[in-house]
Amino acid sequence: LQKAWKNLWRWSQYAIAASATVPAGAGHCIEPL
């Protein structure tokens, strides 16, 4: 449950950064394998 909330927070922060900046400047909240 804690992990789910943490992932949701990371994703929401990324969403804000991605919509407010140039996409490449938002970074990633997780990298694929």
PDB file of all heavy atoms in Angstrom:
ATOM      1  N   LEU A   1       0.843  -1.208   0.000  1.00  0.00           N
ATOM      2  CA  LEU A   1       0.000   0.000   0.000  1.00  0.00           C
ATOM      3  C   LEU A   1       0.874   1.253   0.000  1.00  0.00           C
ATOM      4  O   LEU A   1       0.612   2.206  -0.749  1.00  0.00           O
ATOM      5  CB  LEU A   1      -0.923  -0.013   1.222  1.00  0.00           C
ATOM      6  CG  LEU A   1      -1.918   1.150   1.329  1.00  0.00           C
ATOM      7  CD1 LEU A   1      -2.863   1.165   0.121  1.00  0.00           C
ATOM      8  CD2 LEU A   1      -2.712   1.056   2.627  1.00  0.00           C
ATOM      9  N   GLN A   2       1.912   1.209   0.806  1.00  0.00           N
ATOM     10  CA  GLN A   2       2.836   2.343   0.841  1.00  0.00           C
ATOM     11  C   GLN A   2       3.517   2.523  -0.516  1.00  0.00           C
ATOM     12  O   GLN A   2       3.687   3.654  -0.990  1.00  0.00           O
ATOM     13  CB  GLN A   2       3.866   2.116   1.944  1.00  0.00           C
ATOM     14  CG  GLN A   2       4.842   3.275   2.122  1.00  0.00           C
ATOM     15  CD  GLN A   2       5.869   2.990   3.212  1.00  0.00           C
ATOM     16  OE1 GLN A   2       6.162   1.830   3.503  1.00  0.00           O
ATOM     17  NE2 GLN A   2       6.428   4.031   3.792  1.00  0.00           N
ATOM     18  N   LYS A   3       3.887   1.401  -1.140  1.00  0.00           N
ATOM     19  CA  LYS A   3       4.528   1.459  -2.452  1.00  0.00           C
ATOM     20  C   LYS A   3       3.581   2.044  -3.496  1.00  0.00           C
ATOM     21  O   LYS A   3       4.001   2.821  -4.366  1.00  0.00           O
ATOM     22  CB  LYS A   3       4.955   0.041  -2.870  1.00  0.00           C
ATOM     23  CG  LYS A   3       5.651  -0.051  -4.213  1.00  0.00           C
ATOM     24  CD  LYS A   3       7.016   0.589  -4.191  1.00  0.00           C
ATOM     25  CE  LYS A   3       7.764   0.328  -5.483  1.00  0.00           C
ATOM     26  NZ  LYS A   3       9.070   1.025  -5.513  1.00  0.00           N
ATOM     27  N   ALA A   4       2.297   1.670  -3.408  1.00  0.00           N
ATOM     28  CA  ALA A   4       1.322   2.192  -4.363  1.00  0.00           C
ATOM     29  C   ALA A   4       1.190   3.714  -4.233  1.00  0.00           C
ATOM     30  O   ALA A   4       1.166   4.431  -5.241  1.00  0.00           O
ATOM     31  CB  ALA A   4      -0.024   1.513  -4.145  1.00  0.00           C
ATOM     32  N   TRP A   5       1.101   4.217  -2.989  1.00  0.00           N
ATOM     33  CA  TRP A   5       0.994   5.658  -2.780  1.00  0.00           C
ATOM     34  C   TRP A   5       2.270   6.367  -3.241  1.00  0.00           C
ATOM     35  O   TRP A   5       2.216   7.455  -3.834  1.00  0.00           O
ATOM     36  CB  TRP A   5       0.730   5.972  -1.303  1.00  0.00           C
ATOM     37  CG  TRP A   5      -0.701   5.807  -0.921  1.00  0.00           C
ATOM     38  CD1 TRP A   5      -1.248   4.850  -0.142  1.00  0.00           C
ATOM     39  CD2 TRP A   5      -1.783   6.650  -1.335  1.00  0.00           C
ATOM     40  NE1 TRP A   5      -2.604   5.018  -0.032  1.00  0.00           N
ATOM     41  CE2 TRP A   5      -2.964   6.122  -0.759  1.00  0.00           C
ATOM     42  CE3 TRP A   5      -1.888   7.784  -2.147  1.00  0.00           C
ATOM     43  CZ2 TRP A   5      -4.204   6.700  -0.956  1.00  0.00           C
ATOM     44  CZ3 TRP A   5      -3.128   8.355  -2.337  1.00  0.00           C
ATOM     45  CH2 TRP A   5      -4.271   7.824  -1.749  1.00  0.00           C
ATOM     46  N   LYS A   6       3.408   5.744  -2.991  1.00  0.00           N
ATOM     47  CA  LYS A   6       4.677   6.338  -3.407  1.00  0.00           C
ATOM     48  C   LYS A   6       4.756   6.432  -4.927  1.00  0.00           C
ATOM     49  O   LYS A   6       5.180   7.468  -5.473  1.00  0.00           O
ATOM     50  CB  LYS A   6       5.838   5.501  -2.857  1.00  0.00           C
ATOM     51  CG  LYS A   6       7.213   6.080  -3.175  1.00  0.00           C
ATOM     52  CD  LYS A   6       8.323   5.223  -2.563  1.00  0.00           C
ATOM     53  CE  LYS A   6       9.693   5.789  -2.895  1.00  0.00           C
ATOM     54  NZ  LYS A   6      10.784   4.951  -2.303  1.00  0.00           N
ATOM     55  N   ASN A   7       4.347   5.349  -5.614  1.00  0.00           N
ATOM     56  CA  ASN A   7       4.357   5.367  -7.079  1.00  0.00           C
ATOM     57  C   ASN A   7       3.388   6.397  -7.633  1.00  0.00           C
ATOM     58  O   ASN A   7       3.668   7.081  -8.628  1.00  0.00           O
ATOM     59  CB  ASN A   7       4.010   3.982  -7.634  1.00  0.00           C
ATOM     60  CG  ASN A   7       5.178   3.018  -7.554  1.00  0.00           C
ATOM     61  OD1 ASN A   7       6.274   3.399  -7.155  1.00  0.00           O
ATOM     62  ND2 ASN A   7       4.941   1.774  -7.913  1.00  0.00           N
ATOM     63  N   LEU A   8       2.213   6.514  -7.005  1.00  0.00           N
ATOM     64  CA  LEU A   8       1.233   7.512  -7.444  1.00  0.00           C
ATOM     65  C   LEU A   8       1.789   8.926  -7.273  1.00  0.00           C
ATOM     66  O   LEU A   8       1.606   9.789  -8.150  1.00  0.00           O
ATOM     67  CB  LEU A   8      -0.065   7.353  -6.659  1.00  0.00           C
ATOM     68  CG  LEU A   8      -1.194   8.335  -7.010  1.00  0.00           C
ATOM     69  CD1 LEU A   8      -1.582   8.185  -8.486  1.00  0.00           C
ATOM     70  CD2 LEU A   8      -2.404   8.116  -6.111  1.00  0.00           C
ATOM     71  N   TRP A   9       2.483   9.169  -6.165  1.00  0.00           N
ATOM     72  CA  TRP A   9       3.085  10.487  -5.929  1.00  0.00           C
ATOM     73  C   TRP A   9       4.172  10.771  -6.973  1.00  0.00           C
ATOM     74  O   TRP A   9       4.223  11.864  -7.534  1.00  0.00           O
ATOM     75  CB  TRP A   9       3.663  10.537  -4.515  1.00  0.00           C
ATOM     76  CG  TRP A   9       4.464  11.783  -4.239  1.00  0.00           C
ATOM     77  CD1 TRP A   9       5.823  11.907  -4.177  1.00  0.00           C
ATOM     78  CD2 TRP A   9       3.944  13.095  -3.997  1.00  0.00           C
ATOM     79  NE1 TRP A   9       6.192  13.193  -3.923  1.00  0.00           N
ATOM     80  CE2 TRP A   9       5.045  13.955  -3.800  1.00  0.00           C
ATOM     81  CE3 TRP A   9       2.659  13.626  -3.928  1.00  0.00           C
ATOM     82  CZ2 TRP A   9       4.907  15.301  -3.534  1.00  0.00           C
ATOM     83  CZ3 TRP A   9       2.518  14.983  -3.665  1.00  0.00           C
ATOM     84  CH2 TRP A   9       3.621  15.809  -3.472  1.00  0.00           C
ATOM     85  N   ARG A  10       5.014   9.775  -7.242  1.00  0.00           N
ATOM     86  CA  ARG A  10       6.069   9.964  -8.232  1.00  0.00           C
ATOM     87  C   ARG A  10       5.472  10.247  -9.609  1.00  0.00           C
ATOM     88  O   ARG A  10       5.958  11.127 -10.336  1.00  0.00           O
ATOM     89  CB  ARG A  10       6.949   8.699  -8.305  1.00  0.00           C
ATOM     90  CG  ARG A  10       7.823   8.487  -7.096  1.00  0.00           C
ATOM     91  CD  ARG A  10       8.434   7.078  -7.103  1.00  0.00           C
ATOM     92  NE  ARG A  10       9.290   6.850  -8.261  1.00  0.00           N
ATOM     93  CZ  ARG A  10       9.771   5.651  -8.584  1.00  0.00           C
ATOM     94  NH1 ARG A  10       9.462   4.593  -7.862  1.00  0.00           N
ATOM     95  NH2 ARG A  10      10.556   5.528  -9.641  1.00  0.00           N
ATOM     96  N   TRP A  11       4.429   9.536  -9.945  1.00  0.00           N
ATOM     97  CA  TRP A  11       3.817   9.715 -11.259  1.00  0.00           C
ATOM     98  C   TRP A  11       3.153  11.086 -11.363  1.00  0.00           C
ATOM     99  O   TRP A  11       3.244  11.748 -12.412  1.00  0.00           O
ATOM    100  CB  TRP A  11       2.782   8.611 -11.510  1.00  0.00           C
ATOM    101  CG  TRP A  11       2.205   8.652 -12.895  1.00  0.00           C
ATOM    102  CD1 TRP A  11       2.770   8.230 -14.050  1.00  0.00           C
ATOM    103  CD2 TRP A  11       0.914   9.171 -13.252  1.00  0.00           C
ATOM    104  NE1 TRP A  11       1.933   8.436 -15.110  1.00  0.00           N
ATOM    105  CE2 TRP A  11       0.777   9.023 -14.649  1.00  0.00           C
ATOM    106  CE3 TRP A  11      -0.132   9.744 -12.522  1.00  0.00           C
ATOM    107  CZ2 TRP A  11      -0.354   9.418 -15.324  1.00  0.00           C
ATOM    108  CZ3 TRP A  11      -1.273  10.144 -13.200  1.00  0.00           C
ATOM    109  CH2 TRP A  11      -1.374   9.968 -14.596  1.00  0.00           C
ATOM    110  N   SER A  12       2.494  11.531 -10.288  1.00  0.00           N
ATOM    111  CA  SER A  12       1.829  12.841 -10.324  1.00  0.00           C
ATOM    112  C   SER A  12       2.849  13.968 -10.418  1.00  0.00           C
ATOM    113  O   SER A  12       2.633  14.958 -11.134  1.00  0.00           O
ATOM    114  CB  SER A  12       0.944  13.019  -9.089  1.00  0.00           C
ATOM    115  OG  SER A  12       1.714  12.983  -7.898  1.00  0.00           O
ATOM    116  N   GLN A  13       3.973  13.827  -9.714  1.00  0.00           N
ATOM    117  CA  GLN A  13       5.026  14.834  -9.809  1.00  0.00           C
ATOM    118  C   GLN A  13       5.615  14.883 -11.210  1.00  0.00           C
ATOM    119  O   GLN A  13       5.905  15.951 -11.743  1.00  0.00           O
ATOM    120  CB  GLN A  13       6.138  14.542  -8.786  1.00  0.00           C
ATOM    121  CG  GLN A  13       5.709  14.708  -7.341  1.00  0.00           C
ATOM    122  CD  GLN A  13       5.327  16.159  -7.042  1.00  0.00           C
ATOM    123  OE1 GLN A  13       4.135  16.473  -6.881  1.00  0.00           O
ATOM    124  NE2 GLN A  13       6.306  17.037  -6.991  1.00  0.00           N
ATOM    125  N   TYR A  14       5.774  13.724 -11.805  1.00  0.00           N
ATOM    126  CA  TYR A  14       6.270  13.655 -13.176  1.00  0.00           C
ATOM    127  C   TYR A  14       5.277  14.295 -14.139  1.00  0.00           C
ATOM    128  O   TYR A  14       5.669  15.007 -15.072  1.00  0.00           O
ATOM    129  CB  TYR A  14       6.520  12.195 -13.560  1.00  0.00           C
ATOM    130  CG  TYR A  14       6.902  12.012 -15.009  1.00  0.00           C
ATOM    131  CD1 TYR A  14       8.195  12.267 -15.453  1.00  0.00           C
ATOM    132  CD2 TYR A  14       5.953  11.605 -15.950  1.00  0.00           C
ATOM    133  CE1 TYR A  14       8.552  12.117 -16.788  1.00  0.00           C
ATOM    134  CE2 TYR A  14       6.297  11.445 -17.289  1.00  0.00           C
ATOM    135  CZ  TYR A  14       7.595  11.705 -17.694  1.00  0.00           C
ATOM    136  OH  TYR A  14       7.933  11.566 -19.018  1.00  0.00           O
ATOM    137  N   ALA A  15       3.978  14.034 -13.914  1.00  0.00           N
ATOM    138  CA  ALA A  15       2.942  14.600 -14.777  1.00  0.00           C
ATOM    139  C   ALA A  15       2.982  16.125 -14.743  1.00  0.00           C
ATOM    140  O   ALA A  15       2.862  16.786 -15.784  1.00  0.00           O
ATOM    141  CB  ALA A  15       1.574  14.091 -14.363  1.00  0.00           C
ATOM    142  N   ILE A  16       3.176  16.686 -13.557  1.00  0.00           N
ATOM    143  CA  ILE A  16       3.242  18.147 -13.429  1.00  0.00           C
ATOM    144  C   ILE A  16       4.473  18.685 -14.156  1.00  0.00           C
ATOM    145  O   ILE A  16       4.400  19.648 -14.923  1.00  0.00           O
ATOM    146  CB  ILE A  16       3.271  18.540 -11.937  1.00  0.00           C
ATOM    147  CG1 ILE A  16       1.945  18.186 -11.266  1.00  0.00           C
ATOM    148  CG2 ILE A  16       3.573  20.038 -11.785  1.00  0.00           C
ATOM    149  CD1 ILE A  16       1.962  18.349  -9.758  1.00  0.00           C
ATOM    150  N   ALA A  17       5.604  18.049 -13.941  1.00  0.00           N
ATOM    151  CA  ALA A  17       6.847  18.506 -14.578  1.00  0.00           C
ATOM    152  C   ALA A  17       6.775  18.366 -16.090  1.00  0.00           C
ATOM    153  O   ALA A  17       7.235  19.242 -16.831  1.00  0.00           O
ATOM    154  CB  ALA A  17       8.031  17.715 -14.021  1.00  0.00           C
ATOM    155  N   ALA A  18       6.189  17.241 -16.563  1.00  0.00           N
ATOM    156  CA  ALA A  18       6.126  16.992 -17.996  1.00  0.00           C
ATOM    157  C   ALA A  18       5.206  17.967 -18.702  1.00  0.00           C
ATOM    158  O   ALA A  18       5.436  18.321 -19.869  1.00  0.00           O
ATOM    159  CB  ALA A  18       5.661  15.563 -18.254  1.00  0.00           C
ATOM    160  N   SER A  19       4.150  18.407 -18.043  1.00  0.00           N
ATOM    161  CA  SER A  19       3.211  19.331 -18.683  1.00  0.00           C
ATOM    162  C   SER A  19       3.664  20.780 -18.589  1.00  0.00           C
ATOM    163  O   SER A  19       3.206  21.619 -19.357  1.00  0.00           O
ATOM    164  CB  SER A  19       1.820  19.196 -18.032  1.00  0.00           C
ATOM    165  OG  SER A  19       1.902  19.494 -16.640  1.00  0.00           O
ATOM    166  N   ALA A  20       4.625  21.042 -17.667  1.00  0.00           N
ATOM    167  CA  ALA A  20       5.050  22.423 -17.460  1.00  0.00           C
ATOM    168  C   ALA A  20       6.355  22.750 -18.152  1.00  0.00           C
ATOM    169  O   ALA A  20       6.742  23.908 -18.238  1.00  0.00           O
ATOM    170  CB  ALA A  20       5.190  22.711 -15.959  1.00  0.00           C
ATOM    171  N   THR A  21       7.058  21.747 -18.647  1.00  0.00           N
ATOM    172  CA  THR A  21       8.366  21.977 -19.252  1.00  0.00           C
ATOM    173  C   THR A  21       8.439  21.290 -20.598  1.00  0.00           C
ATOM    174  O   THR A  21       7.542  20.569 -21.019  1.00  0.00           O
ATOM    175  CB  THR A  21       9.492  21.421 -18.349  1.00  0.00           C
ATOM    176  OG1 THR A  21       9.341  20.002 -18.262  1.00  0.00           O
ATOM    177  CG2 THR A  21       9.434  22.025 -16.948  1.00  0.00           C
ATOM    178  N   VAL A  22       9.571  21.508 -21.264  1.00  0.00           N
ATOM    179  CA  VAL A  22       9.869  20.740 -22.471  1.00  0.00           C
ATOM    180  C   VAL A  22       9.935  19.270 -22.073  1.00  0.00           C
ATOM    181  O   VAL A  22      10.547  18.930 -21.060  1.00  0.00           O
ATOM    182  CB  VAL A  22      11.209  21.190 -23.085  1.00  0.00           C
ATOM    183  CG1 VAL A  22      11.548  20.349 -24.310  1.00  0.00           C
ATOM    184  CG2 VAL A  22      11.134  22.672 -23.438  1.00  0.00           C
ATOM    185  N   PRO A  23       9.280  18.370 -22.801  1.00  0.00           N
ATOM    186  CA  PRO A  23       9.219  16.970 -22.390  1.00  0.00           C
ATOM    187  C   PRO A  23      10.554  16.377 -21.981  1.00  0.00           C
ATOM    188  O   PRO A  23      10.651  15.674 -20.989  1.00  0.00           O
ATOM    189  CB  PRO A  23       8.658  16.259 -23.635  1.00  0.00           C
ATOM    190  CG  PRO A  23       7.847  17.307 -24.319  1.00  0.00           C
ATOM    191  CD  PRO A  23       8.545  18.599 -24.054  1.00  0.00           C
ATOM    192  N   ALA A  24      11.617  16.671 -22.751  1.00  0.00           N
ATOM    193  CA  ALA A  24      12.917  16.083 -22.434  1.00  0.00           C
ATOM    194  C   ALA A  24      13.452  16.582 -21.101  1.00  0.00           C
ATOM    195  O   ALA A  24      14.300  15.952 -20.492  1.00  0.00           O
ATOM    196  CB  ALA A  24      13.913  16.368 -23.551  1.00  0.00           C
ATOM    197  N   GLY A  25      12.947  17.746 -20.637  1.00  0.00           N
ATOM    198  CA  GLY A  25      13.447  18.293 -19.380  1.00  0.00           C
ATOM    199  C   GLY A  25      12.772  17.728 -18.163  1.00  0.00           C
ATOM    200  O   GLY A  25      13.169  18.033 -17.039  1.00  0.00           O
ATOM    201  N   ALA A  26      11.747  16.893 -18.327  1.00  0.00           N
ATOM    202  CA  ALA A  26      11.007  16.366 -17.188  1.00  0.00           C
ATOM    203  C   ALA A  26      11.701  15.176 -16.555  1.00  0.00           C
ATOM    204  O   ALA A  26      11.404  14.819 -15.435  1.00  0.00           O
ATOM    205  CB  ALA A  26       9.596  15.970 -17.632  1.00  0.00           C
ATOM    206  N   GLY A  27      12.638  14.579 -17.252  1.00  0.00           N
ATOM    207  CA  GLY A  27      13.260  13.378 -16.727  1.00  0.00           C
ATOM    208  C   GLY A  27      12.260  12.236 -16.696  1.00  0.00           C
ATOM    209  O   GLY A  27      11.170  12.309 -17.264  1.00  0.00           O
ATOM    210  N   HIS A  28      12.625  11.152 -16.021  1.00  0.00           N
ATOM    211  CA  HIS A  28      11.751  10.005 -15.873  1.00  0.00           C
ATOM    212  C   HIS A  28      11.605   9.667 -14.397  1.00  0.00           C
ATOM    213  O   HIS A  28      12.553   9.820 -13.626  1.00  0.00           O
ATOM    214  CB  HIS A  28      12.310   8.786 -16.602  1.00  0.00           C
ATOM    215  CG  HIS A  28      12.231   8.898 -18.096  1.00  0.00           C
ATOM    216  ND1 HIS A  28      13.075   8.212 -18.949  1.00  0.00           N
ATOM    217  CD2 HIS A  28      11.407   9.626 -18.897  1.00  0.00           C
ATOM    218  CE1 HIS A  28      12.774   8.506 -20.208  1.00  0.00           C
ATOM    219  NE2 HIS A  28      11.769   9.373 -20.199  1.00  0.00           N
ATOM    220  N   CYS A  29      10.440   9.165 -14.013  1.00  0.00           N
ATOM    221  CA  CYS A  29      10.290   8.693 -12.639  1.00  0.00           C
ATOM    222  C   CYS A  29      10.638   7.214 -12.521  1.00  0.00           C
ATOM    223  O   CYS A  29      10.797   6.704 -11.414  1.00  0.00           O
ATOM    224  CB  CYS A  29       8.886   8.961 -12.106  1.00  0.00           C
ATOM    225  SG  CYS A  29       7.546   8.297 -13.109  1.00  0.00           S
ATOM    226  N   ILE A  30      10.766   6.521 -13.655  1.00  0.00           N
ATOM    227  CA  ILE A  30      11.189   5.128 -13.661  1.00  0.00           C
ATOM    228  C   ILE A  30      11.763   4.806 -15.031  1.00  0.00           C
ATOM    229  O   ILE A  30      11.296   5.325 -16.047  1.00  0.00           O
ATOM    230  CB  ILE A  30      10.015   4.177 -13.330  1.00  0.00           C
ATOM    231  CG1 ILE A  30      10.509   2.726 -13.236  1.00  0.00           C
ATOM    232  CG2 ILE A  30       8.889   4.306 -14.344  1.00  0.00           C
ATOM    233  CD1 ILE A  30       9.450   1.745 -12.757  1.00  0.00           C
ATOM    234  N   GLU A  31      12.796   3.988 -15.047  1.00  0.00           N
ATOM    235  CA  GLU A  31      13.416   3.583 -16.301  1.00  0.00           C
ATOM    236  C   GLU A  31      13.046   2.130 -16.606  1.00  0.00           C
ATOM    237  O   GLU A  31      12.972   1.300 -15.696  1.00  0.00           O
ATOM    238  CB  GLU A  31      14.941   3.712 -16.233  1.00  0.00           C
ATOM    239  CG  GLU A  31      15.442   5.126 -16.061  1.00  0.00           C
ATOM    240  CD  GLU A  31      15.156   6.007 -17.272  1.00  0.00           C
ATOM    241  OE1 GLU A  31      14.965   5.453 -18.378  1.00  0.00           O
ATOM    242  OE2 GLU A  31      15.136   7.240 -17.108  1.00  0.00           O
ATOM    243  N   PRO A  32      12.783   1.821 -17.872  1.00  0.00           N
ATOM    244  CA  PRO A  32      12.496   0.418 -18.217  1.00  0.00           C
ATOM    245  C   PRO A  32      13.724  -0.454 -18.025  1.00  0.00           C
ATOM    246  O   PRO A  32      14.849   0.036 -17.964  1.00  0.00           O
ATOM    247  CB  PRO A  32      12.074   0.486 -19.686  1.00  0.00           C
ATOM    248  CG  PRO A  32      12.709   1.725 -20.204  1.00  0.00           C
ATOM    249  CD  PRO A  32      12.750   2.694 -19.056  1.00  0.00           C
ATOM    250  N   LEU A  33      13.496  -1.759 -17.934  1.00  0.00           N
ATOM    251  CA  LEU A  33      14.614  -2.693 -17.850  1.00  0.00           C
ATOM    252  C   LEU A  33      15.437  -2.639 -19.133  1.00  0.00           C
ATOM    253  O   LEU A  33      14.910  -2.274 -20.197  1.00  0.00           O
ATOM    254  CB  LEU A  33      14.088  -4.114 -17.630  1.00  0.00           C
ATOM    255  CG  LEU A  33      13.345  -4.353 -16.305  1.00  0.00           C
ATOM    256  CD1 LEU A  33      12.724  -5.746 -16.304  1.00  0.00           C
ATOM    257  CD2 LEU A  33      14.282  -4.178 -15.123  1.00  0.00           C
TER     258      LEU A  33
END
